[in-house]
PDB file of all heavy atoms in Angstrom:
ATOM      1  N   MET A   1    -113.389 140.681 119.090  1.00  0.00           N
ATOM      2  CA  MET A   1    -112.772 139.566 119.804  1.00  0.00           C
ATOM      3  C   MET A   1    -113.772 138.955 120.784  1.00  0.00           C
ATOM      4  O   MET A   1    -113.894 137.726 120.879  1.00  0.00           O
ATOM      5  CB  MET A   1    -111.511 140.023 120.543  1.00  0.00           C
ATOM      6  CG  MET A   1    -110.850 138.922 121.361  1.00  0.00           C
ATOM      7  SD  MET A   1    -109.349 139.464 122.221  1.00  0.00           S
ATOM      8  CE  MET A   1    -108.237 139.595 120.809  1.00  0.00           C
ATOM      9  N   ALA A   2    -114.480 139.792 121.502  1.00  0.00           N
ATOM     10  CA  ALA A   2    -115.461 139.287 122.463  1.00  0.00           C
ATOM     11  C   ALA A   2    -116.509 138.425 121.762  1.00  0.00           C
ATOM     12  O   ALA A   2    -116.971 137.408 122.304  1.00  0.00           O
ATOM     13  CB  ALA A   2    -116.120 140.446 123.193  1.00  0.00           C
ATOM     14  N   GLY A   3    -116.874 138.796 120.537  1.00  0.00           N
ATOM     15  CA  GLY A   3    -117.862 138.028 119.792  1.00  0.00           C
ATOM     16  C   GLY A   3    -117.374 136.658 119.384  1.00  0.00           C
ATOM     17  O   GLY A   3    -118.191 135.770 119.068  1.00  0.00           O
ATOM     18  N   SER A   4    -116.056 136.454 119.390  1.00  0.00           N
ATOM     19  CA  SER A   4    -115.500 135.150 119.018  1.00  0.00           C
ATOM     20  C   SER A   4    -115.540 134.152 120.173  1.00  0.00           C
ATOM     21  O   SER A   4    -115.243 132.974 119.984  1.00  0.00           O
ATOM     22  CB  SER A   4    -114.055 135.315 118.533  1.00  0.00           C
ATOM     23  OG  SER A   4    -114.026 136.040 117.309  1.00  0.00           O
ATOM     24  N   PHE A   5    -115.887 134.608 121.355  1.00  0.00           N
ATOM     25  CA  PHE A   5    -116.126 133.697 122.484  1.00  0.00           C
ATOM     26  C   PHE A   5    -117.548 133.154 122.323  1.00  0.00           C
ATOM     27  O   PHE A   5    -118.471 133.531 123.039  1.00  0.00           O
ATOM     28  CB  PHE A   5    -115.963 134.427 123.819  1.00  0.00           C
ATOM     29  CG  PHE A   5    -114.543 134.706 124.216  1.00  0.00           C
ATOM     30  CD1 PHE A   5    -113.815 135.725 123.608  1.00  0.00           C
ATOM     31  CD2 PHE A   5    -113.937 133.960 125.209  1.00  0.00           C
ATOM     32  CE1 PHE A   5    -112.507 135.993 123.977  1.00  0.00           C
ATOM     33  CE2 PHE A   5    -112.623 134.212 125.586  1.00  0.00           C
ATOM     34  CZ  PHE A   5    -111.906 135.229 124.967  1.00  0.00           C
ATOM     35  N   ASP A   6    -117.701 132.255 121.358  1.00  0.00           N
ATOM     36  CA  ASP A   6    -119.056 131.848 120.953  1.00  0.00           C
ATOM     37  C   ASP A   6    -119.322 130.357 121.106  1.00  0.00           C
ATOM     38  O   ASP A   6    -120.388 129.861 120.702  1.00  0.00           O
ATOM     39  CB  ASP A   6    -119.307 132.266 119.499  1.00  0.00           C
ATOM     40  CG  ASP A   6    -118.270 131.680 118.533  1.00  0.00           C
ATOM     41  OD1 ASP A   6    -117.427 130.866 118.971  1.00  0.00           O
ATOM     42  OD2 ASP A   6    -118.306 132.046 117.340  1.00  0.00           O
ATOM     43  N   GLY A   7    -118.344 129.637 121.640  1.00  0.00           N
ATOM     44  CA  GLY A   7    -118.553 128.198 121.829  1.00  0.00           C
ATOM     45  C   GLY A   7    -118.487 127.395 120.552  1.00  0.00           C
ATOM     46  O   GLY A   7    -118.853 126.213 120.543  1.00  0.00           O
ATOM     47  N   SER A   8    -117.994 127.977 119.476  1.00  0.00           N
ATOM     48  CA  SER A   8    -117.885 127.257 118.210  1.00  0.00           C
ATOM     49  C   SER A   8    -116.783 126.201 118.303  1.00  0.00           C
ATOM     50  O   SER A   8    -115.946 126.240 119.213  1.00  0.00           O
ATOM     51  CB  SER A   8    -117.570 128.249 117.082  1.00  0.00           C
ATOM     52  OG  SER A   8    -116.375 128.950 117.340  1.00  0.00           O
ATOM     53  N   PRO A   9    -116.755 125.237 117.367  1.00  0.00           N
ATOM     54  CA  PRO A   9    -115.721 124.196 117.398  1.00  0.00           C
ATOM     55  C   PRO A   9    -114.318 124.806 117.432  1.00  0.00           C
ATOM     56  O   PRO A   9    -114.015 125.720 116.650  1.00  0.00           O
ATOM     57  CB  PRO A   9    -115.964 123.414 116.111  1.00  0.00           C
ATOM     58  CG  PRO A   9    -117.425 123.606 115.842  1.00  0.00           C
ATOM     59  CD  PRO A   9    -117.735 125.009 116.279  1.00  0.00           C
ATOM     60  N   TYR A  10    -113.481 124.329 118.350  1.00  0.00           N
ATOM     61  CA  TYR A  10    -112.089 124.767 118.533  1.00  0.00           C
ATOM     62  C   TYR A  10    -111.984 126.190 119.065  1.00  0.00           C
ATOM     63  O   TYR A  10    -110.884 126.733 119.173  1.00  0.00           O
ATOM     64  CB  TYR A  10    -111.294 124.644 117.229  1.00  0.00           C
ATOM     65  CG  TYR A  10    -111.367 123.282 116.611  1.00  0.00           C
ATOM     66  CD1 TYR A  10    -112.094 123.081 115.441  1.00  0.00           C
ATOM     67  CD2 TYR A  10    -110.741 122.186 117.206  1.00  0.00           C
ATOM     68  CE1 TYR A  10    -112.184 121.810 114.877  1.00  0.00           C
ATOM     69  CE2 TYR A  10    -110.823 120.925 116.646  1.00  0.00           C
ATOM     70  CZ  TYR A  10    -111.558 120.739 115.485  1.00  0.00           C
ATOM     71  OH  TYR A  10    -111.647 119.483 114.925  1.00  0.00           O
ATOM     72  N   GLY A  11    -113.109 126.811 119.405  1.00  0.00           N
ATOM     73  CA  GLY A  11    -113.087 128.169 119.929  1.00  0.00           C
ATOM     74  C   GLY A  11    -113.368 128.198 121.431  1.00  0.00           C
ATOM     75  O   GLY A  11    -113.694 127.174 122.035  1.00  0.00           O
ATOM     76  N   PRO A  12    -113.246 129.362 122.050  1.00  0.00           N
ATOM     77  CA  PRO A  12    -113.486 129.467 123.482  1.00  0.00           C
ATOM     78  C   PRO A  12    -114.978 129.464 123.809  1.00  0.00           C
ATOM     79  O   PRO A  12    -115.820 129.874 123.000  1.00  0.00           O
ATOM     80  CB  PRO A  12    -112.854 130.810 123.839  1.00  0.00           C
ATOM     81  CG  PRO A  12    -112.943 131.619 122.583  1.00  0.00           C
ATOM     82  CD  PRO A  12    -112.808 130.648 121.451  1.00  0.00           C
ATOM     83  N   ALA A  13    -115.297 129.023 125.011  1.00  0.00           N
ATOM     84  CA  ALA A  13    -116.681 128.996 125.482  1.00  0.00           C
ATOM     85  C   ALA A  13    -117.216 130.418 125.601  1.00  0.00           C
ATOM     86  O   ALA A  13    -116.448 131.379 125.759  1.00  0.00           O
ATOM     87  CB  ALA A  13    -116.754 128.287 126.828  1.00  0.00           C
ATOM     88  N   PRO A  14    -118.542 130.562 125.511  1.00  0.00           N
ATOM     89  CA  PRO A  14    -119.124 131.901 125.676  1.00  0.00           C
ATOM     90  C   PRO A  14    -118.743 132.522 127.011  1.00  0.00           C
ATOM     91  O   PRO A  14    -118.471 131.823 127.993  1.00  0.00           O
ATOM     92  CB  PRO A  14    -120.630 131.628 125.589  1.00  0.00           C
ATOM     93  CG  PRO A  14    -120.743 130.363 124.801  1.00  0.00           C
ATOM     94  CD  PRO A  14    -119.558 129.544 125.199  1.00  0.00           C
ATOM     95  N   ILE A  15    -118.721 133.850 127.050  1.00  0.00           N
ATOM     96  CA  ILE A  15    -118.354 134.579 128.263  1.00  0.00           C
ATOM     97  C   ILE A  15    -119.512 134.524 129.251  1.00  0.00           C
ATOM     98  O   ILE A  15    -120.644 134.911 128.925  1.00  0.00           O
ATOM     99  CB  ILE A  15    -117.997 136.037 127.928  1.00  0.00           C
ATOM    100  CG1 ILE A  15    -116.842 136.082 126.923  1.00  0.00           C
ATOM    101  CG2 ILE A  15    -117.639 136.808 129.194  1.00  0.00           C
ATOM    102  CD1 ILE A  15    -116.545 137.471 126.381  1.00  0.00           C
ATOM    103  N   ALA A  16    -119.213 134.043 130.441  1.00  0.00           N
ATOM    104  CA  ALA A  16    -120.251 133.952 131.479  1.00  0.00           C
ATOM    105  C   ALA A  16    -120.416 135.306 132.162  1.00  0.00           C
ATOM    106  O   ALA A  16    -119.504 136.134 132.200  1.00  0.00           O
ATOM    107  CB  ALA A  16    -119.863 132.898 132.506  1.00  0.00           C
ATOM    108  N   GLU A  17    -121.606 135.528 132.691  1.00  0.00           N
ATOM    109  CA  GLU A  17    -121.883 136.770 133.402  1.00  0.00           C
ATOM    110  C   GLU A  17    -120.945 136.887 134.611  1.00  0.00           C
ATOM    111  O   GLU A  17    -120.772 135.940 135.371  1.00  0.00           O
ATOM    112  CB  GLU A  17    -123.335 136.801 133.854  1.00  0.00           C
ATOM    113  CG  GLU A  17    -123.755 138.127 134.462  1.00  0.00           C
ATOM    114  CD  GLU A  17    -125.231 138.174 134.785  1.00  0.00           C
ATOM    115  OE1 GLU A  17    -125.942 137.201 134.435  1.00  0.00           O
ATOM    116  OE2 GLU A  17    -125.666 139.170 135.385  1.00  0.00           O
ATOM    117  N   ASP A  18    -120.316 138.041 134.757  1.00  0.00           N
ATOM    118  CA  ASP A  18    -119.413 138.321 135.881  1.00  0.00           C
ATOM    119  C   ASP A  18    -118.190 137.396 135.906  1.00  0.00           C
ATOM    120  O   ASP A  18    -117.597 137.175 136.965  1.00  0.00           O
ATOM    121  CB  ASP A  18    -120.157 138.229 137.221  1.00  0.00           C
ATOM    122  CG  ASP A  18    -121.270 139.262 137.328  1.00  0.00           C
ATOM    123  OD1 ASP A  18    -121.094 140.361 136.782  1.00  0.00           O
ATOM    124  OD2 ASP A  18    -122.300 138.956 137.944  1.00  0.00           O
ATOM    125  N   GLU A  19    -117.802 136.856 134.751  1.00  0.00           N
ATOM    126  CA  GLU A  19    -116.599 136.016 134.715  1.00  0.00           C
ATOM    127  C   GLU A  19    -115.369 136.873 135.026  1.00  0.00           C
ATOM    128  O   GLU A  19    -115.235 137.983 134.512  1.00  0.00           O
ATOM    129  CB  GLU A  19    -116.463 135.373 133.337  1.00  0.00           C
ATOM    130  CG  GLU A  19    -115.369 134.323 133.266  1.00  0.00           C
ATOM    131  CD  GLU A  19    -115.395 133.543 131.955  1.00  0.00           C
ATOM    132  OE1 GLU A  19    -116.369 133.709 131.173  1.00  0.00           O
ATOM    133  OE2 GLU A  19    -114.447 132.783 131.710  1.00  0.00           O
ATOM    134  N   PRO A  20    -114.461 136.393 135.877  1.00  0.00           N
ATOM    135  CA  PRO A  20    -113.324 137.221 136.299  1.00  0.00           C
ATOM    136  C   PRO A  20    -112.352 137.511 135.156  1.00  0.00           C
ATOM    137  O   PRO A  20    -112.164 136.701 134.256  1.00  0.00           O
ATOM    138  CB  PRO A  20    -112.665 136.378 137.386  1.00  0.00           C
ATOM    139  CG  PRO A  20    -113.080 134.977 137.089  1.00  0.00           C
ATOM    140  CD  PRO A  20    -114.464 135.078 136.531  1.00  0.00           C
ATOM    141  N   ARG A  21    -111.788 138.695 135.228  1.00  0.00           N
ATOM    142  CA  ARG A  21    -110.748 139.133 134.289  1.00  0.00           C
ATOM    143  C   ARG A  21    -109.431 139.287 135.035  1.00  0.00           C
ATOM    144  O   ARG A  21    -109.408 139.560 136.237  1.00  0.00           O
ATOM    145  CB  ARG A  21    -111.091 140.492 133.681  1.00  0.00           C
ATOM    146  CG  ARG A  21    -111.923 140.459 132.415  1.00  0.00           C
ATOM    147  CD  ARG A  21    -113.335 140.057 132.627  1.00  0.00           C
ATOM    148  NE  ARG A  21    -114.166 140.375 131.460  1.00  0.00           N
ATOM    149  CZ  ARG A  21    -115.367 139.887 131.272  1.00  0.00           C
ATOM    150  NH1 ARG A  21    -115.894 139.022 132.149  1.00  0.00           N
ATOM    151  NH2 ARG A  21    -116.066 140.245 130.205  1.00  0.00           N
ATOM    152  N   ALA A  22    -108.340 139.167 134.306  1.00  0.00           N
ATOM    153  CA  ALA A  22    -107.033 139.443 134.884  1.00  0.00           C
ATOM    154  C   ALA A  22    -106.882 140.944 135.115  1.00  0.00           C
ATOM    155  O   ALA A  22    -107.455 141.762 134.387  1.00  0.00           O
ATOM    156  CB  ALA A  22    -105.935 138.946 133.949  1.00  0.00           C
ATOM    157  N   GLU A  23    -106.115 141.305 136.130  1.00  0.00           N
ATOM    158  CA  GLU A  23    -105.896 142.715 136.431  1.00  0.00           C
ATOM    159  C   GLU A  23    -104.962 143.330 135.394  1.00  0.00           C
ATOM    160  O   GLU A  23    -103.957 142.722 135.009  1.00  0.00           O
ATOM    161  CB  GLU A  23    -105.293 142.873 137.817  1.00  0.00           C
ATOM    162  CG  GLU A  23    -106.242 142.496 138.943  1.00  0.00           C
ATOM    163  CD  GLU A  23    -105.646 142.811 140.294  1.00  0.00           C
ATOM    164  OE1 GLU A  23    -105.806 143.965 140.757  1.00  0.00           O
ATOM    165  OE2 GLU A  23    -105.008 141.927 140.874  1.00  0.00           O
ATOM    166  N   THR A  24    -105.296 144.518 134.952  1.00  0.00           N
ATOM    167  CA  THR A  24    -104.503 145.202 133.930  1.00  0.00           C
ATOM    168  C   THR A  24    -103.652 146.299 134.565  1.00  0.00           C
ATOM    169  O   THR A  24    -103.885 146.717 135.696  1.00  0.00           O
ATOM    170  CB  THR A  24    -105.405 145.799 132.848  1.00  0.00           C
ATOM    171  OG1 THR A  24    -106.273 146.775 133.443  1.00  0.00           O
ATOM    172  CG2 THR A  24    -106.254 144.711 132.198  1.00  0.00           C
ATOM    173  N   GLY A  25    -102.668 146.765 133.818  1.00  0.00           N
ATOM    174  CA  GLY A  25    -101.827 147.848 134.301  1.00  0.00           C
ATOM    175  C   GLY A  25    -100.364 147.588 134.010  1.00  0.00           C
ATOM    176  O   GLY A  25     -99.978 146.565 133.440  1.00  0.00           O
ATOM    177  N   LEU A  26     -99.516 148.528 134.427  1.00  0.00           N
ATOM    178  CA  LEU A  26     -98.091 148.437 134.154  1.00  0.00           C
ATOM    179  C   LEU A  26     -97.456 147.269 134.886  1.00  0.00           C
ATOM    180  O   LEU A  26     -96.716 146.472 134.295  1.00  0.00           O
ATOM    181  CB  LEU A  26     -97.406 149.745 134.563  1.00  0.00           C
ATOM    182  CG  LEU A  26     -95.886 149.780 134.462  1.00  0.00           C
ATOM    183  CD1 LEU A  26     -95.423 149.508 133.030  1.00  0.00           C
ATOM    184  CD2 LEU A  26     -95.346 151.117 134.946  1.00  0.00           C
ATOM    185  N   ALA A  27     -97.719 147.146 136.173  1.00  0.00           N
ATOM    186  CA  ALA A  27     -97.134 146.084 136.990  1.00  0.00           C
ATOM    187  C   ALA A  27     -97.840 146.078 138.333  1.00  0.00           C
ATOM    188  O   ALA A  27     -98.551 147.029 138.685  1.00  0.00           O
ATOM    189  CB  ALA A  27     -95.633 146.308 137.176  1.00  0.00           C
ATOM    190  N   ALA A  28     -97.652 145.011 139.093  1.00  0.00           N
ATOM    191  CA  ALA A  28     -98.205 144.957 140.442  1.00  0.00           C
ATOM    192  C   ALA A  28     -97.644 146.118 141.261  1.00  0.00           C
ATOM    193  O   ALA A  28     -96.491 146.513 141.098  1.00  0.00           O
ATOM    194  CB  ALA A  28     -97.854 143.625 141.093  1.00  0.00           C
ATOM    195  N   GLN A  29     -98.456 146.664 142.165  1.00  0.00           N
ATOM    196  CA  GLN A  29     -98.047 147.851 142.918  1.00  0.00           C
ATOM    197  C   GLN A  29     -96.775 147.602 143.724  1.00  0.00           C
ATOM    198  O   GLN A  29     -95.915 148.487 143.840  1.00  0.00           O
ATOM    199  CB  GLN A  29     -99.168 148.299 143.855  1.00  0.00           C
ATOM    200  CG  GLN A  29     -98.909 149.642 144.518  1.00  0.00           C
ATOM    201  CD  GLN A  29     -98.711 150.761 143.512  1.00  0.00           C
ATOM    202  OE1 GLN A  29     -99.474 150.892 142.559  1.00  0.00           O
ATOM    203  NE2 GLN A  29     -97.667 151.571 143.704  1.00  0.00           N
ATOM    204  N   ALA A  30     -96.623 146.403 144.251  1.00  0.00           N
ATOM    205  CA  ALA A  30     -95.416 146.106 145.026  1.00  0.00           C
ATOM    206  C   ALA A  30     -94.165 146.223 144.171  1.00  0.00           C
ATOM    207  O   ALA A  30     -93.099 146.607 144.672  1.00  0.00           O
ATOM    208  CB  ALA A  30     -95.512 144.700 145.623  1.00  0.00           C
ATOM    209  N   LEU A  31     -94.284 145.937 142.889  1.00  0.00           N
ATOM    210  CA  LEU A  31     -93.155 146.071 141.971  1.00  0.00           C
ATOM    211  C   LEU A  31     -92.948 147.532 141.588  1.00  0.00           C
ATOM    212  O   LEU A  31     -91.817 148.024 141.548  1.00  0.00           O
ATOM    213  CB  LEU A  31     -93.385 145.203 140.739  1.00  0.00           C
ATOM    214  CG  LEU A  31     -92.309 145.174 139.657  1.00  0.00           C
ATOM    215  CD1 LEU A  31     -90.937 144.905 140.253  1.00  0.00           C
ATOM    216  CD2 LEU A  31     -92.641 144.135 138.600  1.00  0.00           C
ATOM    217  N   VAL A  32     -94.028 148.232 141.323  1.00  0.00           N
ATOM    218  CA  VAL A  32     -93.928 149.656 140.984  1.00  0.00           C
ATOM    219  C   VAL A  32     -93.245 150.423 142.114  1.00  0.00           C
ATOM    220  O   VAL A  32     -92.450 151.347 141.878  1.00  0.00           O
ATOM    221  CB  VAL A  32     -95.324 150.234 140.693  1.00  0.00           C
ATOM    222  CG1 VAL A  32     -95.263 151.758 140.539  1.00  0.00           C
ATOM    223  CG2 VAL A  32     -95.917 149.598 139.441  1.00  0.00           C
ATOM    224  N   ASP A  33     -93.523 150.037 143.351  1.00  0.00           N
ATOM    225  CA  ASP A  33     -92.934 150.724 144.503  1.00  0.00           C
ATOM    226  C   ASP A  33     -91.404 150.602 144.546  1.00  0.00           C
ATOM    227  O   ASP A  33     -90.747 151.376 145.244  1.00  0.00           O
ATOM    228  CB  ASP A  33     -93.517 150.164 145.805  1.00  0.00           C
ATOM    229  CG  ASP A  33     -94.984 150.536 145.994  1.00  0.00           C
ATOM    230  OD1 ASP A  33     -95.449 151.482 145.331  1.00  0.00           O
ATOM    231  OD2 ASP A  33     -95.654 149.869 146.799  1.00  0.00           O
ATOM    232  N   LEU A  34     -90.851 149.645 143.814  1.00  0.00           N
ATOM    233  CA  LEU A  34     -89.401 149.442 143.796  1.00  0.00           C
ATOM    234  C   LEU A  34     -88.696 150.278 142.735  1.00  0.00           C
ATOM    235  O   LEU A  34     -87.465 150.333 142.709  1.00  0.00           O
ATOM    236  CB  LEU A  34     -89.080 147.963 143.547  1.00  0.00           C
ATOM    237  CG  LEU A  34     -89.578 146.964 144.584  1.00  0.00           C
ATOM    238  CD1 LEU A  34     -89.266 145.536 144.127  1.00  0.00           C
ATOM    239  CD2 LEU A  34     -88.962 147.230 145.945  1.00  0.00           C
ATOM    240  N   PHE A  35     -89.457 150.925 141.850  1.00  0.00           N
ATOM    241  CA  PHE A  35     -88.840 151.685 140.763  1.00  0.00           C
ATOM    242  C   PHE A  35     -87.932 152.783 141.306  1.00  0.00           C
ATOM    243  O   PHE A  35     -88.167 153.348 142.387  1.00  0.00           O
ATOM    244  CB  PHE A  35     -89.912 152.349 139.884  1.00  0.00           C
ATOM    245  CG  PHE A  35     -90.704 151.408 139.025  1.00  0.00           C
ATOM    246  CD1 PHE A  35     -91.781 151.885 138.276  1.00  0.00           C
ATOM    247  CD2 PHE A  35     -90.415 150.053 138.956  1.00  0.00           C
ATOM    248  CE1 PHE A  35     -92.524 151.036 137.475  1.00  0.00           C
ATOM    249  CE2 PHE A  35     -91.157 149.197 138.166  1.00  0.00           C
ATOM    250  CZ  PHE A  35     -92.218 149.695 137.423  1.00  0.00           C
TER     251      PHE A  35
END
């Protein structure tokens, strides 16, 4: 999948160095604290 970030027509732009990622996990900690 990472290799498909290649800037090809109709595809996503190449991955920039240190480009931010979304945070992963079950849920935000404030929500987990409510379980």
